[in-house]
Structure formats: C-alpha cells, structure tokens
Amino acid sequence: MIATPDGIMAGSVSGGCVEGATVVEIGEAIARGSPKLVTFGVSDERAWEVGLACGGTIKVFVEPRVRAEVLAAARGPGGDVVATVLDGPHAGASARIADDGGTEGSLGDLPARQVRDAALVALRRESSATVSLQATGDPVSVFLEVFPRQPRLVIFGGVHIAVALVPLARALGYRTIVADGRPAFLTRDRFPEADQLILAWPDTAFEQIGLDASCYVCILSHDPKFDEPALQLALRSPARYIGAIGSRRTQTARRERLKAAGFTEEGVARVHGPIGLDLGGRQPIETALAILAEMTAVRYGGTAARAST
C-alpha cells in the first residue's frame, strides 16, 4: 500500500481489515521520518469488533518513503529480490539482489553471502518471505520481497490444444510463444493473442527463444520428427517445466529413446507426460486447463506436481 499524509491511498495490505489503521501509521512514519514494524493482532472472538474479520495477526512494515531499491526492482524486467531489515538498529536498511547474485545496497552488519543465499532461494520459489538471519548480535528479521521474471510459455506445435492454451496462459501472466515448422498451423487467425509466433524447427526456434529458468515448455505437435528433437533440446536447458503430449504408451517408448540417447533417469523424469493433471476432461480447453494446472503446481511447489511425476 502507498498512502499520503492526507489519507489518499492506493493498494492494499489485508483485503480491507486494517487499511484505515495502516494509513494512519504511514502518516506517522512520514512525520517522524523513520520506519516501524506494526503488528495488528486480535483473537477470533473480537475480530469483527475491531475490523480484523479474519482474526489472527498481520504485521506491516511502514516506511516514510519508497526506497530506490524497490523502485528499481519494480520497474525492471524481474529477477530481483529486495531484502529489508525489519527490526534492530538497522531497521529499514535494504539491498537489491539480482538472480545472478549481484547485490546493490547494504543490510548493516548482516553477512552479504547469507542474505544473497536466502534471497536466491526465495526467488527460485517465486515467493516473498520473512527470514531470521544472524548478525553479529541478535538475529534480525529480514523481509525478502520477490520480483520474479515474467514466466514464458513456450509451445512447440500449433495444434488445437495450443489454440486453447494461449489465452488461458496470458490470463495468468505468461508471455506466450508458439513455434511450429508447419506454416498452416502457425497463423495469426489461429493465435490472435500469442505474443510471438516462430515458424521454425525446434533447434532454430529454441535458439531464438533462449530457453531459461523462466520457461515452461509444452511440446504438443504429436509428430515425432518435431517432438523428439524438441524434447532433447528442452532437457538440455534449465526450463522450469517440460511437458509432452501423448498417451502413457507413447511416453514409455519416448522415455526409453531419451535414455538411449544418453539422458539420465533423473533427466528423463523432468518430462511431464502425459502432459497435464488428470482432471478427466477431453476437450481442448479442458486439456489446456489441465496443463496450466500442472504448470502452476510446478511453479509454486504444489503437491499435485509431485503426485504427477
């Protein structure tokens, strides 16, 4: 939440429970020029009485200004973590840690490597967190605010499932890239919402894309001359998710061929196939939903992802 001293606000910290009190705290922080960690806590029995309808405890770190590290991370392409000390003599100190380990700023006497390692773990999980880190004195709480890179959905095979998958993925914030070596499958009429269309074979397409840890690769062509090279290229990359269409029988034979090509058992296990969670649907839009459900579970470490592999 951002608020001005005269009570104008944007954003939210609790969905409505403590917004008014937080605006007051922001005004006081601006007046004194220093940050403060504020705790709003209440028993479930008194929750409605004081406006914290969900009960429990909410902690809000209130600051007198927006820090440069936060602005830089918010305006950048992602792949950053802003670490902020919440308590102790260095409360309010912050640093920006990039996904390559580079760091700008200082957190007082906290060891830089300790902060960096914790930040990179949070970034891999794409989940902000508060951690306790050991300084020279007592442990201090550090908030790790994650600014992830935009995830990229890379589809090879402009089939009917891909047509349904693109708009669903865009609604979830993915940049969508569809590649195929067949011109008839790759037209703007079929993919009006795709961010990028690439007419090429897998090696050329994936080289142009630059598969990295932000990529979620779905191989949907159902044509071995495309699927097999695409799978091998994807497995040699750090792509976050690799899914391939095909029946269980097809997947078993495909895994054996991959192992014969030199991929380890652990490497082959990265392939989600048959692609998507078993939701029972059969229509293209239902299959697309199952694929996105599986991608979401992988992205955030949901139990469905572990159960499917």
Protein backbone atom coordinates (compact mmCIF):
# COMPACT_ATOMS: atom_id res chain seq x y z
CA MET A 1 0.00 0.00 0.00
CA ILE A 2 1.06 3.58 -0.71
CA ALA A 3 -0.55 6.46 1.16
CA THR A 4 -0.07 10.20 1.53
CA PRO A 5 -0.13 12.19 4.79
CA ASP A 6 -3.62 13.48 3.94
CA GLY A 7 -5.03 9.94 3.64
CA ILE A 8 -5.04 9.27 -0.11
CA MET A 9 -4.13 5.62 -0.67
CA ALA A 10 -3.57 3.03 -3.38
CA GLY A 11 -3.20 -0.70 -2.99
CA SER A 12 -3.97 -2.90 -0.02
CA VAL A 13 -2.26 -4.86 2.74
CA SER A 14 -5.07 -7.03 4.08
CA GLY A 15 -8.06 -7.01 1.79
CA GLY A 16 -9.79 -4.41 3.95
CA CYS A 17 -9.24 -5.45 7.56
CA VAL A 18 -6.65 -2.92 8.72
CA GLU A 19 -6.38 -0.47 5.84
CA GLY A 20 -7.56 2.56 7.83
CA ALA A 21 -5.15 1.93 10.69
CA THR A 22 -2.29 1.37 8.25
CA VAL A 23 -2.92 4.71 6.54
CA VAL A 24 -2.65 6.40 9.94
CA GLU A 25 0.62 4.56 10.64
CA ILE A 26 2.01 5.64 7.26
CA GLY A 27 1.21 9.26 8.04
CA GLU A 28 3.02 8.97 11.37
CA ALA A 29 6.04 7.34 9.71
CA ILE A 30 6.23 10.19 7.19
CA ALA A 31 6.03 12.74 10.02
CA ARG A 32 8.85 11.19 12.06
CA GLY A 33 10.94 10.13 9.05
CA SER A 34 11.63 6.58 10.22
CA PRO A 35 10.15 3.11 9.57
CA LYS A 36 8.27 0.92 12.02
CA LEU A 37 7.07 -2.68 12.13
CA VAL A 38 3.42 -2.58 13.20
CA THR A 39 1.54 -5.64 14.45
CA PHE A 40 -2.22 -5.91 14.24
CA GLY A 41 -3.37 -8.89 16.28
CA VAL A 42 -6.70 -9.95 17.70
CA SER A 43 -8.47 -13.05 18.90
CA ASP A 44 -11.09 -14.61 16.65
CA GLU A 45 -13.74 -13.71 19.22
CA ARG A 46 -13.07 -9.96 18.88
CA ALA A 47 -12.22 -9.98 15.18
CA TRP A 48 -15.43 -8.39 13.89
CA GLU A 49 -15.46 -5.83 16.68
CA VAL A 50 -12.15 -4.26 15.65
CA GLY A 51 -12.39 -4.84 11.92
CA LEU A 52 -9.93 -7.74 11.52
CA ALA A 53 -12.60 -10.06 10.17
CA CYS A 54 -10.27 -12.98 9.55
CA GLY A 55 -8.77 -12.94 13.04
CA GLY A 56 -5.11 -13.78 13.58
CA THR A 57 -2.16 -11.43 13.23
CA ILE A 58 -0.93 -9.15 10.46
CA LYS A 59 2.48 -7.45 10.53
CA VAL A 60 3.01 -4.39 8.35
CA PHE A 61 6.35 -2.66 7.83
CA VAL A 62 5.54 1.03 7.49
CA GLU A 63 8.08 3.36 5.86
CA PRO A 64 8.23 7.13 5.33
CA ARG A 65 9.20 6.86 1.64
CA VAL A 66 9.52 4.41 -1.24
CA ARG A 67 13.11 3.16 -1.38
CA ALA A 68 15.20 3.32 -4.54
CA GLU A 69 15.82 -0.44 -4.43
CA VAL A 70 12.07 -1.14 -4.55
CA LEU A 71 11.53 1.29 -7.43
CA ALA A 72 14.40 -0.23 -9.42
CA ALA A 73 13.12 -3.77 -8.89
CA ALA A 74 9.52 -2.85 -9.71
CA ARG A 75 10.50 -1.01 -12.89
CA GLY A 76 12.94 -3.66 -14.10
CA PRO A 77 12.37 -6.88 -16.05
CA GLY A 78 12.21 -9.02 -12.91
CA GLY A 79 14.63 -11.49 -11.43
CA ASP A 80 15.30 -9.36 -8.33
CA VAL A 81 14.77 -9.63 -4.59
CA VAL A 82 14.66 -6.61 -2.28
CA ALA A 83 15.85 -7.57 1.20
CA THR A 84 14.73 -5.23 4.01
CA VAL A 85 15.73 -5.35 7.67
CA LEU A 86 12.56 -5.19 9.78
CA ASP A 87 13.93 -4.79 13.31
CA GLY A 88 17.05 -3.98 15.27
CA PRO A 89 19.35 -0.95 14.92
CA HIS A 90 19.45 -1.25 11.11
CA ALA A 91 15.68 -1.42 10.57
CA GLY A 92 14.85 -0.05 7.13
CA ALA A 93 18.21 -0.91 5.58
CA SER A 94 17.77 -2.67 2.27
CA ALA A 95 19.61 -4.27 -0.63
CA ARG A 96 18.61 -5.48 -4.09
CA ILE A 97 19.83 -8.94 -5.08
CA ALA A 98 19.70 -9.97 -8.75
CA ASP A 99 19.21 -13.52 -9.98
CA ASP A 100 22.89 -13.67 -10.95
CA GLY A 101 23.88 -12.96 -7.33
CA GLY A 102 24.81 -9.32 -7.87
CA THR A 103 23.93 -7.08 -4.91
CA GLU A 104 23.31 -3.36 -4.53
CA GLY A 105 22.92 -1.80 -1.11
CA SER A 106 23.78 -2.95 2.40
CA LEU A 107 21.97 -4.56 5.32
CA GLY A 108 24.22 -3.28 8.07
CA ASP A 109 26.28 -5.99 9.74
CA LEU A 110 24.42 -8.92 8.15
CA PRO A 111 26.80 -11.14 6.12
CA ALA A 112 26.25 -10.39 2.43
CA ARG A 113 26.52 -14.04 1.41
CA GLN A 114 23.89 -15.11 3.95
CA VAL A 115 21.47 -12.51 2.61
CA ARG A 116 22.20 -13.40 -1.01
CA ASP A 117 21.69 -17.14 -0.48
CA ALA A 118 18.36 -16.61 1.30
CA ALA A 119 17.23 -14.19 -1.41
CA LEU A 120 18.05 -16.59 -4.24
CA VAL A 121 16.10 -19.38 -2.53
CA ALA A 122 13.06 -17.09 -2.31
CA LEU A 123 13.50 -16.08 -5.95
CA ARG A 124 13.59 -19.71 -7.11
CA ARG A 125 10.36 -20.32 -5.20
CA GLU A 126 8.83 -17.10 -6.57
CA SER A 127 7.52 -16.42 -3.09
CA SER A 128 8.29 -13.49 -0.81
CA ALA A 129 9.17 -14.47 2.76
CA THR A 130 10.39 -13.20 6.10
CA VAL A 131 13.51 -14.94 7.40
CA SER A 132 15.58 -14.68 10.56
CA LEU A 133 19.27 -14.06 9.86
CA GLN A 134 22.15 -13.95 12.30
CA ALA A 135 24.12 -10.73 12.53
CA THR A 136 26.97 -10.02 14.94
CA GLY A 137 24.44 -9.55 17.73
CA ASP A 138 20.92 -10.93 17.98
CA PRO A 139 19.11 -12.46 14.98
CA VAL A 140 17.14 -9.96 12.92
CA SER A 141 14.07 -10.37 10.72
CA VAL A 142 14.58 -9.69 7.02
CA PHE A 143 11.77 -9.39 4.52
CA LEU A 144 12.64 -10.84 1.11
CA GLU A 145 10.34 -9.23 -1.46
CA VAL A 146 10.47 -11.20 -4.71
CA PHE A 147 10.13 -9.56 -8.13
CA PRO A 148 10.18 -12.60 -10.45
CA ARG A 149 10.76 -12.52 -14.17
CA GLN A 150 7.64 -12.87 -16.28
CA PRO A 151 7.18 -16.58 -16.95
CA ARG A 152 7.25 -17.61 -20.61
CA LEU A 153 5.07 -20.34 -22.03
CA VAL A 154 6.88 -21.91 -24.97
CA ILE A 155 4.65 -24.12 -27.10
CA PHE A 156 6.01 -26.22 -29.93
CA GLY A 157 3.13 -27.37 -32.09
CA GLY A 158 0.32 -25.03 -33.13
CA VAL A 159 -2.40 -27.63 -32.62
CA HIS A 160 -5.94 -27.17 -31.31
CA ILE A 161 -4.83 -27.57 -27.68
CA ALA A 162 -2.28 -24.79 -28.17
CA VAL A 163 -5.03 -22.53 -29.55
CA ALA A 164 -6.95 -23.01 -26.29
CA LEU A 165 -3.85 -22.80 -24.10
CA VAL A 166 -2.56 -19.39 -25.19
CA PRO A 167 -5.42 -17.16 -23.89
CA LEU A 168 -5.58 -19.07 -20.60
CA ALA A 169 -1.85 -18.66 -20.07
CA ARG A 170 -1.99 -14.94 -20.89
CA ALA A 171 -4.70 -14.53 -18.26
CA LEU A 172 -2.24 -15.98 -15.72
CA GLY A 173 0.51 -13.57 -16.71
CA TYR A 174 2.61 -15.71 -19.05
CA ARG A 175 4.31 -14.34 -22.14
CA THR A 176 3.18 -16.79 -24.81
CA ILE A 177 5.40 -18.03 -27.64
CA VAL A 178 4.16 -20.56 -30.21
CA ALA A 179 6.56 -22.26 -32.60
CA ASP A 180 5.98 -24.77 -35.38
CA GLY A 181 7.70 -25.88 -38.56
CA ARG A 182 4.38 -26.07 -40.45
CA PRO A 183 3.10 -22.75 -41.83
CA ALA A 184 -0.56 -23.83 -41.89
CA PHE A 185 -0.52 -24.38 -38.11
CA LEU A 186 1.05 -21.04 -37.29
CA THR A 187 -1.17 -18.15 -38.34
CA ARG A 188 -2.50 -15.05 -36.62
CA ASP A 189 -6.03 -16.26 -37.30
CA ARG A 190 -5.31 -19.28 -35.11
CA PHE A 191 -3.28 -17.40 -32.49
CA PRO A 192 -4.52 -13.80 -32.33
CA GLU A 193 -3.42 -13.39 -28.70
CA ALA A 194 0.03 -15.00 -28.82
CA ASP A 195 2.90 -12.64 -28.01
CA GLN A 196 5.20 -14.26 -30.57
CA LEU A 197 4.93 -16.78 -33.41
CA ILE A 198 8.07 -18.52 -34.70
CA LEU A 199 7.99 -20.53 -37.92
CA ALA A 200 10.98 -22.86 -37.49
CA TRP A 201 12.14 -26.31 -36.49
CA PRO A 202 12.87 -26.89 -32.79
CA ASP A 203 16.61 -26.15 -32.89
CA THR A 204 16.18 -22.79 -34.59
CA ALA A 205 13.08 -21.84 -32.59
CA PHE A 206 14.57 -22.68 -29.19
CA GLU A 207 17.83 -20.94 -30.00
CA GLN A 208 15.90 -17.81 -30.91
CA ILE A 209 13.83 -18.00 -27.73
CA GLY A 210 16.76 -18.75 -25.42
CA LEU A 211 15.28 -21.31 -23.04
CA ASP A 212 15.98 -20.36 -19.44
CA ALA A 213 14.55 -20.97 -15.96
CA SER A 214 11.58 -18.69 -16.69
CA CYS A 215 10.38 -21.01 -19.48
CA TYR A 216 7.55 -23.53 -19.33
CA VAL A 217 7.83 -25.74 -22.40
CA CYS A 218 4.85 -27.61 -23.82
CA ILE A 219 5.56 -29.95 -26.74
CA LEU A 220 2.25 -30.55 -28.48
CA SER A 221 2.90 -31.31 -32.15
CA HIS A 222 2.34 -35.07 -31.72
CA ASP A 223 4.79 -35.57 -34.58
CA PRO A 224 7.99 -37.47 -33.70
CA LYS A 225 10.15 -35.53 -36.13
CA PHE A 226 9.34 -32.40 -34.11
CA ASP A 227 8.67 -33.83 -30.64
CA GLU A 228 11.87 -35.84 -30.22
CA PRO A 229 14.34 -33.04 -31.10
CA ALA A 230 12.27 -30.52 -29.11
CA LEU A 231 12.33 -32.73 -26.02
CA GLN A 232 16.07 -33.28 -26.21
CA LEU A 233 16.73 -29.55 -26.56
CA ALA A 234 14.37 -28.71 -23.70
CA LEU A 235 16.01 -31.29 -21.42
CA ARG A 236 19.41 -29.71 -22.04
CA SER A 237 18.04 -26.35 -20.89
CA PRO A 238 17.17 -25.07 -17.39
CA ALA A 239 13.46 -24.77 -18.33
CA ARG A 240 11.24 -24.82 -15.25
CA TYR A 241 8.65 -27.15 -16.76
CA ILE A 242 8.71 -29.59 -19.69
CA GLY A 243 5.51 -31.31 -20.75
CA ALA A 244 4.86 -33.53 -23.76
CA ILE A 245 1.59 -34.69 -25.28
CA GLY A 246 0.99 -38.38 -25.87
CA SER A 247 -0.51 -41.49 -24.30
CA ARG A 248 1.15 -43.42 -21.49
CA ARG A 249 2.33 -45.97 -24.02
CA THR A 250 3.83 -43.20 -26.15
CA GLN A 251 5.52 -41.70 -23.09
CA THR A 252 7.06 -45.02 -22.07
CA ALA A 253 8.58 -45.55 -25.51
CA ARG A 254 9.70 -41.92 -25.63
CA ARG A 255 11.49 -42.19 -22.27
CA GLU A 256 13.35 -45.28 -23.44
CA ARG A 257 14.53 -43.45 -26.55
CA LEU A 258 15.67 -40.50 -24.46
CA LYS A 259 17.68 -42.77 -22.18
CA ALA A 260 19.19 -44.47 -25.22
CA ALA A 261 20.20 -41.00 -26.43
CA GLY A 262 22.21 -40.52 -23.24
CA PHE A 263 19.80 -38.80 -20.87
CA THR A 264 19.84 -39.96 -17.26
CA GLU A 265 16.85 -41.35 -15.41
CA GLU A 266 16.71 -38.13 -13.40
CA GLY A 267 16.81 -36.04 -16.56
CA VAL A 268 14.08 -38.02 -18.28
CA ALA A 269 11.92 -37.70 -15.17
CA ARG A 270 11.73 -33.95 -15.79
CA VAL A 271 9.27 -34.62 -18.61
CA HIS A 272 5.64 -34.40 -17.56
CA GLY A 273 3.84 -36.87 -19.73
CA PRO A 274 1.05 -37.44 -20.42
CA ILE A 275 1.03 -33.66 -20.14
CA GLY A 276 -1.25 -32.00 -17.59
CA LEU A 277 -3.01 -33.12 -14.44
CA ASP A 278 -5.62 -35.84 -14.78
CA LEU A 279 -8.77 -33.73 -14.48
CA GLY A 280 -10.82 -36.13 -16.56
CA GLY A 281 -11.62 -33.63 -19.34
CA ARG A 282 -11.13 -34.36 -23.02
CA GLN A 283 -11.97 -31.14 -24.88
CA PRO A 284 -9.05 -28.91 -25.97
CA ILE A 285 -9.96 -26.20 -23.45
CA GLU A 286 -10.15 -28.82 -20.69
CA THR A 287 -6.76 -30.23 -21.65
CA ALA A 288 -5.35 -26.70 -21.70
CA LEU A 289 -6.73 -26.14 -18.20
CA ALA A 290 -5.10 -29.40 -17.02
CA ILE A 291 -1.74 -28.30 -18.47
CA LEU A 292 -1.90 -24.90 -16.79
CA ALA A 293 -2.93 -26.52 -13.50
CA GLU A 294 0.18 -28.72 -13.66
CA MET A 295 2.40 -25.78 -14.61
CA THR A 296 1.02 -23.79 -11.66
CA ALA A 297 1.71 -26.66 -9.26
CA VAL A 298 5.30 -26.92 -10.54
CA ARG A 299 5.77 -23.17 -10.34
CA TYR A 300 4.73 -22.91 -6.70
CA GLY A 301 5.66 -26.36 -5.41
CA GLY A 302 2.11 -27.65 -5.08
CA THR A 303 1.55 -31.26 -4.07
CA ALA A 304 -0.25 -32.01 -7.34
CA ALA A 305 3.03 -31.54 -9.21
CA ARG A 306 4.81 -34.07 -7.02
CA ALA A 307 1.98 -36.58 -7.31
CA SER A 308 2.01 -36.42 -11.09
CA THR A 309 5.67 -37.31 -11.59
